PDB file of N, CA and C in Angstrom:
ATOM      1  N   UNK A   1     109.131  91.328  99.678  1.00  0.00           N
ATOM      2  CA  UNK A   1     109.815  90.543  98.690  1.00  0.00           C
ATOM      3  C   UNK A   1     110.465  91.514  97.715  1.00  0.00           C
ATOM      4  N   UNK A   2     111.692  91.204  97.338  1.00  0.00           N
ATOM      5  CA  UNK A   2     112.400  92.058  96.408  1.00  0.00           C
ATOM      6  C   UNK A   2     113.139  91.232  95.373  1.00  0.00           C
ATOM      7  N   UNK A   3     113.732  91.934  94.413  1.00  0.00           N
ATOM      8  CA  UNK A   3     114.514  91.293  93.364  1.00  0.00           C
ATOM      9  C   UNK A   3     115.833  92.028  93.234  1.00  0.00           C
ATOM     10  N   UNK A   4     116.927  91.273  93.152  1.00  0.00           N
ATOM     11  CA  UNK A   4     118.256  91.841  92.970  1.00  0.00           C
ATOM     12  C   UNK A   4     118.934  91.093  91.832  1.00  0.00           C
ATOM     13  N   UNK A   5     119.136  91.763  90.706  1.00  0.00           N
ATOM     14  CA  UNK A   5     119.736  91.171  89.513  1.00  0.00           C
ATOM     15  C   UNK A   5     119.038  89.868  89.118  1.00  0.00           C
ATOM     16  N   UNK A   6     117.715  89.888  89.174  1.00  0.00           N
ATOM     17  CA  UNK A   6     116.915  88.748  88.764  1.00  0.00           C
ATOM     18  C   UNK A   6     116.723  87.674  89.821  1.00  0.00           C
ATOM     19  N   UNK A   7     117.303  87.857  90.996  1.00  0.00           N
ATOM     20  CA  UNK A   7     117.164  86.883  92.084  1.00  0.00           C
ATOM     21  C   UNK A   7     116.201  87.419  93.135  1.00  0.00           C
ATOM     22  N   UNK A   8     115.260  86.584  93.557  1.00  0.00           N
ATOM     23  CA  UNK A   8     114.260  86.985  94.551  1.00  0.00           C
ATOM     24  C   UNK A   8     114.812  86.848  95.956  1.00  0.00           C
ATOM     25  N   UNK A   9     114.378  87.755  96.835  1.00  0.00           N
ATOM     26  CA  UNK A   9     114.830  87.718  98.226  1.00  0.00           C
ATOM     27  C   UNK A   9     113.781  88.324  99.140  1.00  0.00           C
ATOM     28  N   UNK A  10     113.922  88.031 100.432  1.00  0.00           N
ATOM     29  CA  UNK A  10     113.161  88.703 101.475  1.00  0.00           C
ATOM     30  C   UNK A  10     114.149  89.126 102.548  1.00  0.00           C
ATOM     31  N   UNK A  11     113.733  90.058 103.376  1.00  0.00           N
ATOM     32  CA  UNK A  11     114.518  90.454 104.536  1.00  0.00           C
ATOM     33  C   UNK A  11     113.829  89.881 105.759  1.00  0.00           C
ATOM     34  N   UNK A  12     114.613  89.242 106.623  1.00  0.00           N
ATOM     35  CA  UNK A  12     114.052  88.611 107.814  1.00  0.00           C
ATOM     36  C   UNK A  12     114.711  89.178 109.058  1.00  0.00           C
ATOM     37  N   UNK A  13     114.036  89.005 110.174  1.00  0.00           N
ATOM     38  CA  UNK A  13     114.547  89.444 111.466  1.00  0.00           C
ATOM     39  C   UNK A  13     115.447  88.350 112.020  1.00  0.00           C
ATOM     40  N   UNK A  14     116.723  88.680 112.200  1.00  0.00           N
ATOM     41  CA  UNK A  14     117.685  87.717 112.712  1.00  0.00           C
ATOM     42  C   UNK A  14     117.937  87.912 114.193  1.00  0.00           C
ATOM     43  N   UNK A  15     119.016  87.296 114.664  1.00  0.00           N
ATOM     44  CA  UNK A  15     119.360  87.406 116.081  1.00  0.00           C
ATOM     45  C   UNK A  15     119.666  88.852 116.439  1.00  0.00           C
ATOM     46  N   UNK A  16     119.402  89.212 117.667  1.00  0.00           N
ATOM     47  CA  UNK A  16     119.598  90.583 118.165  1.00  0.00           C
ATOM     48  C   UNK A  16     118.838  91.617 117.345  1.00  0.00           C
ATOM     49  N   UNK A  17     117.704  91.198 116.744  1.00  0.00           N
ATOM     50  CA  UNK A  17     116.868  92.099 115.933  1.00  0.00           C
ATOM     51  C   UNK A  17     117.647  92.732 114.786  1.00  0.00           C
ATOM     52  N   UNK A  18     118.520  91.942 114.170  1.00  0.00           N
ATOM     53  CA  UNK A  18     119.315  92.405 113.042  1.00  0.00           C
ATOM     54  C   UNK A  18     118.669  91.928 111.743  1.00  0.00           C
ATOM     55  N   UNK A  19     118.623  92.810 110.742  1.00  0.00           N
ATOM     56  CA  UNK A  19     118.036  92.488 109.445  1.00  0.00           C
ATOM     57  C   UNK A  19     118.985  91.565 108.676  1.00  0.00           C
ATOM     58  N   UNK A  20     118.416  90.475 108.127  1.00  0.00           N
ATOM     59  CA  UNK A  20     119.191  89.527 107.331  1.00  0.00           C
ATOM     60  C   UNK A  20     118.581  89.384 105.941  1.00  0.00           C
ATOM     61  N   UNK A  21     119.435  89.277 104.931  1.00  0.00           N
ATOM     62  CA  UNK A  21     119.059  89.046 103.539  1.00  0.00           C
ATOM     63  C   UNK A  21     118.855  87.549 103.353  1.00  0.00           C
ATOM     64  N   UNK A  22     117.739  87.147 102.736  1.00  0.00           N
ATOM     65  CA  UNK A  22     117.480  85.729 102.536  1.00  0.00           C
ATOM     66  C   UNK A  22     117.023  85.489 101.098  1.00  0.00           C
ATOM     67  N   UNK A  23     117.839  84.830 100.257  1.00  0.00           N
ATOM     68  CA  UNK A  23     117.383  84.476  98.907  1.00  0.00           C
ATOM     69  C   UNK A  23     116.254  83.449  98.992  1.00  0.00           C
ATOM     70  N   UNK A  24     115.259  83.580  98.135  1.00  0.00           N
ATOM     71  CA  UNK A  24     114.108  82.674  98.150  1.00  0.00           C
ATOM     72  C   UNK A  24     113.747  82.243  96.735  1.00  0.00           C
ATOM     73  N   UNK A  25     113.039  81.125  96.662  1.00  0.00           N
ATOM     74  CA  UNK A  25     112.463  80.649  95.406  1.00  0.00           C
ATOM     75  C   UNK A  25     110.958  80.815  95.511  1.00  0.00           C
ATOM     76  N   UNK A  26     110.377  81.456  94.498  1.00  0.00           N
ATOM     77  CA  UNK A  26     108.945  81.739  94.528  1.00  0.00           C
ATOM     78  C   UNK A  26     108.141  80.618  93.905  1.00  0.00           C
ATOM     79  N   UNK A  27     106.980  80.375  94.490  1.00  0.00           N
ATOM     80  CA  UNK A  27     106.012  79.445  93.927  1.00  0.00           C
ATOM     81  C   UNK A  27     104.834  80.231  93.381  1.00  0.00           C
ATOM     82  N   UNK A  28     103.701  79.593  93.308  1.00  0.00           N
ATOM     83  CA  UNK A  28     102.506  80.225  92.753  1.00  0.00           C
ATOM     84  C   UNK A  28     101.842  81.152  93.770  1.00  0.00           C
ATOM     85  N   UNK A  29     100.808  81.843  93.306  1.00  0.00           N
ATOM     86  CA  UNK A  29      99.987  82.691  94.170  1.00  0.00           C
ATOM     87  C   UNK A  29      98.727  81.906  94.516  1.00  0.00           C
ATOM     88  N   UNK A  30      98.421  81.802  95.807  1.00  0.00           N
ATOM     89  CA  UNK A  30      97.231  81.085  96.270  1.00  0.00           C
ATOM     90  C   UNK A  30      96.441  82.022  97.170  1.00  0.00           C
ATOM     91  N   UNK A  31      95.193  82.259  96.817  1.00  0.00           N
ATOM     92  CA  UNK A  31      94.314  83.138  97.593  1.00  0.00           C
ATOM     93  C   UNK A  31      94.959  84.494  97.847  1.00  0.00           C
ATOM     94  N   UNK A  32      95.668  85.011  96.848  1.00  0.00           N
ATOM     95  CA  UNK A  32      96.270  86.334  96.949  1.00  0.00           C
ATOM     96  C   UNK A  32      97.595  86.383  97.684  1.00  0.00           C
ATOM     97  N   UNK A  33      98.104  85.233  98.124  1.00  0.00           N
ATOM     98  CA  UNK A  33      99.378  85.191  98.837  1.00  0.00           C
ATOM     99  C   UNK A  33     100.407  84.421  98.021  1.00  0.00           C
ATOM    100  N   UNK A  34     101.619  84.951  97.948  1.00  0.00           N
ATOM    101  CA  UNK A  34     102.703  84.299  97.209  1.00  0.00           C
ATOM    102  C   UNK A  34     103.293  83.170  98.053  1.00  0.00           C
ATOM    103  N   UNK A  35     103.434  82.005  97.465  1.00  0.00           N
ATOM    104  CA  UNK A  35     104.067  80.866  98.126  1.00  0.00           C
ATOM    105  C   UNK A  35     105.581  80.993  97.962  1.00  0.00           C
ATOM    106  N   UNK A  36     106.323  80.863  99.063  1.00  0.00           N
ATOM    107  CA  UNK A  36     107.786  80.808  99.023  1.00  0.00           C
ATOM    108  C   UNK A  36     108.138  79.327  99.102  1.00  0.00           C
ATOM    109  N   UNK A  37     108.656  78.760  98.008  1.00  0.00           N
ATOM    110  CA  UNK A  37     108.891  77.318  97.975  1.00  0.00           C
ATOM    111  C   UNK A  37     110.214  76.910  98.612  1.00  0.00           C
ATOM    112  N   UNK A  38     111.165  77.829  98.726  1.00  0.00           N
ATOM    113  CA  UNK A  38     112.400  77.524  99.461  1.00  0.00           C
ATOM    114  C   UNK A  38     113.068  78.819  99.893  1.00  0.00           C
ATOM    115  N   UNK A  39     113.872  78.715 100.949  1.00  0.00           N
ATOM    116  CA  UNK A  39     114.618  79.864 101.445  1.00  0.00           C
ATOM    117  C   UNK A  39     114.191  80.349 102.812  1.00  0.00           C
ATOM    118  N   UNK A  40     113.015  79.926 103.264  1.00  0.00           N
ATOM    119  CA  UNK A  40     112.534  80.306 104.592  1.00  0.00           C
ATOM    120  C   UNK A  40     112.320  79.067 105.443  1.00  0.00           C
ATOM    121  N   UNK A  41     112.447  79.240 106.744  1.00  0.00           N
ATOM    122  CA  UNK A  41     112.198  78.173 107.705  1.00  0.00           C
ATOM    123  C   UNK A  41     110.941  78.521 108.509  1.00  0.00           C
ATOM    124  N   UNK A  42     110.290  77.519 109.050  1.00  0.00           N
ATOM    125  CA  UNK A  42     109.153  77.750 109.932  1.00  0.00           C
ATOM    126  C   UNK A  42     109.599  78.644 111.085  1.00  0.00           C
ATOM    127  N   UNK A  43     108.836  79.684 111.348  1.00  0.00           N
ATOM    128  CA  UNK A  43     109.166  80.596 112.438  1.00  0.00           C
ATOM    129  C   UNK A  43     109.965  81.818 112.020  1.00  0.00           C
ATOM    130  N   UNK A  44     110.485  81.852 110.780  1.00  0.00           N
ATOM    131  CA  UNK A  44     111.190  83.052 110.318  1.00  0.00           C
ATOM    132  C   UNK A  44     110.232  84.235 110.335  1.00  0.00           C
ATOM    133  N   UNK A  45     110.739  85.380 110.715  1.00  0.00           N
ATOM    134  CA  UNK A  45     109.938  86.603 110.752  1.00  0.00           C
ATOM    135  C   UNK A  45     110.358  87.478 109.580  1.00  0.00           C
ATOM    136  N   UNK A  46     109.477  87.565 108.582  1.00  0.00           N
ATOM    137  CA  UNK A  46     109.750  88.334 107.372  1.00  0.00           C
ATOM    138  C   UNK A  46     109.386  89.788 107.617  1.00  0.00           C
ATOM    139  N   UNK A  47     110.285  90.685 107.244  1.00  0.00           N
ATOM    140  CA  UNK A  47     110.038  92.123 107.393  1.00  0.00           C
ATOM    141  C   UNK A  47     109.150  92.567 106.240  1.00  0.00           C
ATOM    142  N   UNK A  48     108.011  93.175 106.574  1.00  0.00           N
ATOM    143  CA  UNK A  48     107.033  93.537 105.549  1.00  0.00           C
ATOM    144  C   UNK A  48     106.872  95.041 105.380  1.00  0.00           C
ATOM    145  N   UNK A  49     107.487  95.838 106.256  1.00  0.00           N
ATOM    146  CA  UNK A  49     107.276  97.280 106.189  1.00  0.00           C
ATOM    147  C   UNK A  49     108.506  98.005 106.716  1.00  0.00           C
ATOM    148  N   UNK A  50     108.799  99.138 106.112  1.00  0.00           N
ATOM    149  CA  UNK A  50     109.899  99.969 106.583  1.00  0.00           C
ATOM    150  C   UNK A  50     111.083  99.939 105.633  1.00  0.00           C
ATOM    151  N   UNK A  51     111.921 100.953 105.737  1.00  0.00           N
ATOM    152  CA  UNK A  51     113.134 101.040 104.934  1.00  0.00           C
ATOM    153  C   UNK A  51     114.291 100.502 105.760  1.00  0.00           C
ATOM    154  N   UNK A  52     114.707  99.287 105.449  1.00  0.00           N
ATOM    155  CA  UNK A  52     115.778  98.644 106.204  1.00  0.00           C
ATOM    156  C   UNK A  52     116.785  98.032 105.239  1.00  0.00           C
ATOM    157  N   UNK A  53     117.980  97.795 105.751  1.00  0.00           N
ATOM    158  CA  UNK A  53     119.035  97.151 104.972  1.00  0.00           C
ATOM    159  C   UNK A  53     119.628  96.023 105.802  1.00  0.00           C
ATOM    160  N   UNK A  54     120.178  95.005 105.133  1.00  0.00           N
ATOM    161  CA  UNK A  54     120.836  93.931 105.877  1.00  0.00           C
ATOM    162  C   UNK A  54     121.905  94.494 106.812  1.00  0.00           C
ATOM    163  N   UNK A  55     121.934  93.957 108.025  1.00  0.00           N
ATOM    164  CA  UNK A  55     122.903  94.389 109.028  1.00  0.00           C
ATOM    165  C   UNK A  55     122.377  95.435 109.988  1.00  0.00           C
ATOM    166  N   UNK A  56     121.280  96.108 109.619  1.00  0.00           N
ATOM    167  CA  UNK A  56     120.702  97.116 110.513  1.00  0.00           C
ATOM    168  C   UNK A  56     120.065  96.442 111.715  1.00  0.00           C
ATOM    169  N   UNK A  57     120.151  97.094 112.856  1.00  0.00           N
ATOM    170  CA  UNK A  57     119.416  96.628 114.030  1.00  0.00           C
ATOM    171  C   UNK A  57     118.106  97.409 114.066  1.00  0.00           C
ATOM    172  N   UNK A  58     117.004  96.700 114.267  1.00  0.00           N
ATOM    173  CA  UNK A  58     115.679  97.317 114.212  1.00  0.00           C
ATOM    174  C   UNK A  58     114.890  96.996 115.474  1.00  0.00           C
ATOM    175  N   UNK A  59     113.836  97.771 115.679  1.00  0.00           N
ATOM    176  CA  UNK A  59     112.893  97.507 116.771  1.00  0.00           C
ATOM    177  C   UNK A  59     111.616  96.981 116.115  1.00  0.00           C
ATOM    178  N   UNK A  60     111.417  95.658 116.126  1.00  0.00           N
ATOM    179  CA  UNK A  60     110.287  95.086 115.390  1.00  0.00           C
ATOM    180  C   UNK A  60     108.943  95.338 116.056  1.00  0.00           C
ATOM    181  N   UNK A  61     107.928  95.421 115.220  1.00  0.00           N
ATOM    182  CA  UNK A  61     106.539  95.455 115.652  1.00  0.00           C
ATOM    183  C   UNK A  61     105.907  94.193 115.071  1.00  0.00           C
ATOM    184  N   UNK A  62     105.893  93.118 115.843  1.00  0.00           N
ATOM    185  CA  UNK A  62     105.425  91.820 115.360  1.00  0.00           C
ATOM    186  C   UNK A  62     103.902  91.841 115.218  1.00  0.00           C
ATOM    187  N   UNK A  63     103.410  91.475 114.029  1.00  0.00           N
ATOM    188  CA  UNK A  63     101.970  91.381 113.775  1.00  0.00           C
ATOM    189  C   UNK A  63     101.667  89.971 113.270  1.00  0.00           C
ATOM    190  N   UNK A  64     100.543  89.396 113.688  1.00  0.00           N
ATOM    191  CA  UNK A  64     100.208  88.049 113.219  1.00  0.00           C
ATOM    192  C   UNK A  64      99.784  88.075 111.756  1.00  0.00           C
ATOM    193  N   UNK A  65     100.085  87.001 111.062  1.00  0.00           N
ATOM    194  CA  UNK A  65      99.657  86.869 109.673  1.00  0.00           C
ATOM    195  C   UNK A  65      98.193  86.465 109.656  1.00  0.00           C
ATOM    196  N   UNK A  66      97.425  87.126 108.807  1.00  0.00           N
ATOM    197  CA  UNK A  66      96.018  86.768 108.689  1.00  0.00           C
ATOM    198  C   UNK A  66      95.893  85.452 107.938  1.00  0.00           C
ATOM    199  N   UNK A  67      94.946  84.634 108.343  1.00  0.00           N
ATOM    200  CA  UNK A  67      94.679  83.386 107.643  1.00  0.00           C
ATOM    201  C   UNK A  67      93.847  83.706 106.414  1.00  0.00           C
ATOM    202  N   UNK A  68      94.326  83.299 105.222  1.00  0.00           N
ATOM    203  CA  UNK A  68      93.560  83.619 104.014  1.00  0.00           C
ATOM    204  C   UNK A  68      92.244  82.856 103.977  1.00  0.00           C
ATOM    205  N   UNK A  69      91.251  83.462 103.359  1.00  0.00           N
ATOM    206  CA  UNK A  69      89.972  82.800 103.145  1.00  0.00           C
ATOM    207  C   UNK A  69      90.068  82.039 101.836  1.00  0.00           C
ATOM    208  N   UNK A  70      89.843  80.726 101.851  1.00  0.00           N
ATOM    209  CA  UNK A  70      89.965  79.955 100.609  1.00  0.00           C
ATOM    210  C   UNK A  70      88.967  80.428  99.562  1.00  0.00           C
ATOM    211  N   UNK A  71      89.413  80.418  98.312  1.00  0.00           N
ATOM    212  CA  UNK A  71      88.497  80.767  97.230  1.00  0.00           C
ATOM    213  C   UNK A  71      87.519  79.622  97.029  1.00  0.00           C
ATOM    214  N   UNK A  72      86.455  79.896  96.323  1.00  0.00           N
ATOM    215  CA  UNK A  72      85.440  78.864  96.101  1.00  0.00           C
ATOM    216  C   UNK A  72      86.032  77.662  95.375  1.00  0.00           C
ATOM    217  N   UNK A  73      86.872  77.887  94.353  1.00  0.00           N
ATOM    218  CA  UNK A  73      87.449  76.763  93.612  1.00  0.00           C
ATOM    219  C   UNK A  73      88.392  75.951  94.487  1.00  0.00           C
ATOM    220  N   UNK A  74      89.139  76.599  95.369  1.00  0.00           N
ATOM    221  CA  UNK A  74      90.041  75.875  96.264  1.00  0.00           C
ATOM    222  C   UNK A  74      89.236  75.054  97.263  1.00  0.00           C
ATOM    223  N   UNK A  75      88.120  75.606  97.731  1.00  0.00           N
ATOM    224  CA  UNK A  75      87.283  74.895  98.693  1.00  0.00           C
ATOM    225  C   UNK A  75      86.654  73.655  98.064  1.00  0.00           C
ATOM    226  N   UNK A  76      86.429  73.708  96.745  1.00  0.00           N
ATOM    227  CA  UNK A  76      85.836  72.568  96.052  1.00  0.00           C
ATOM    228  C   UNK A  76      86.890  71.579  95.575  1.00  0.00           C
ATOM    229  N   UNK A  77      88.159  71.876  95.842  1.00  0.00           N
ATOM    230  CA  UNK A  77      89.221  70.957  95.462  1.00  0.00           C
ATOM    231  C   UNK A  77      89.611  71.020  94.005  1.00  0.00           C
ATOM    232  N   UNK A  78      89.317  72.117  93.337  1.00  0.00           N
ATOM    233  CA  UNK A  78      89.657  72.257  91.910  1.00  0.00           C
ATOM    234  C   UNK A  78      91.039  72.814  91.742  1.00  0.00           C
TER     235      UNK A  78
END
């Protein structure tokens, strides 16, 4: 996740393994993970590591996202 002139964005893997710039709206932090409230679609692959720029072609190393462990207050519905 990055910021450009006050606007939040992520870089995602596009067609032909090309890096794409995606503006996003941030939500709250839940169990240590930031919620993206808009700007991403189900199945988008967010680039989390490496020095890349939009338009670059990359060789991705796809890793599964870990499922967060709910905090005690979240488990109790608070």
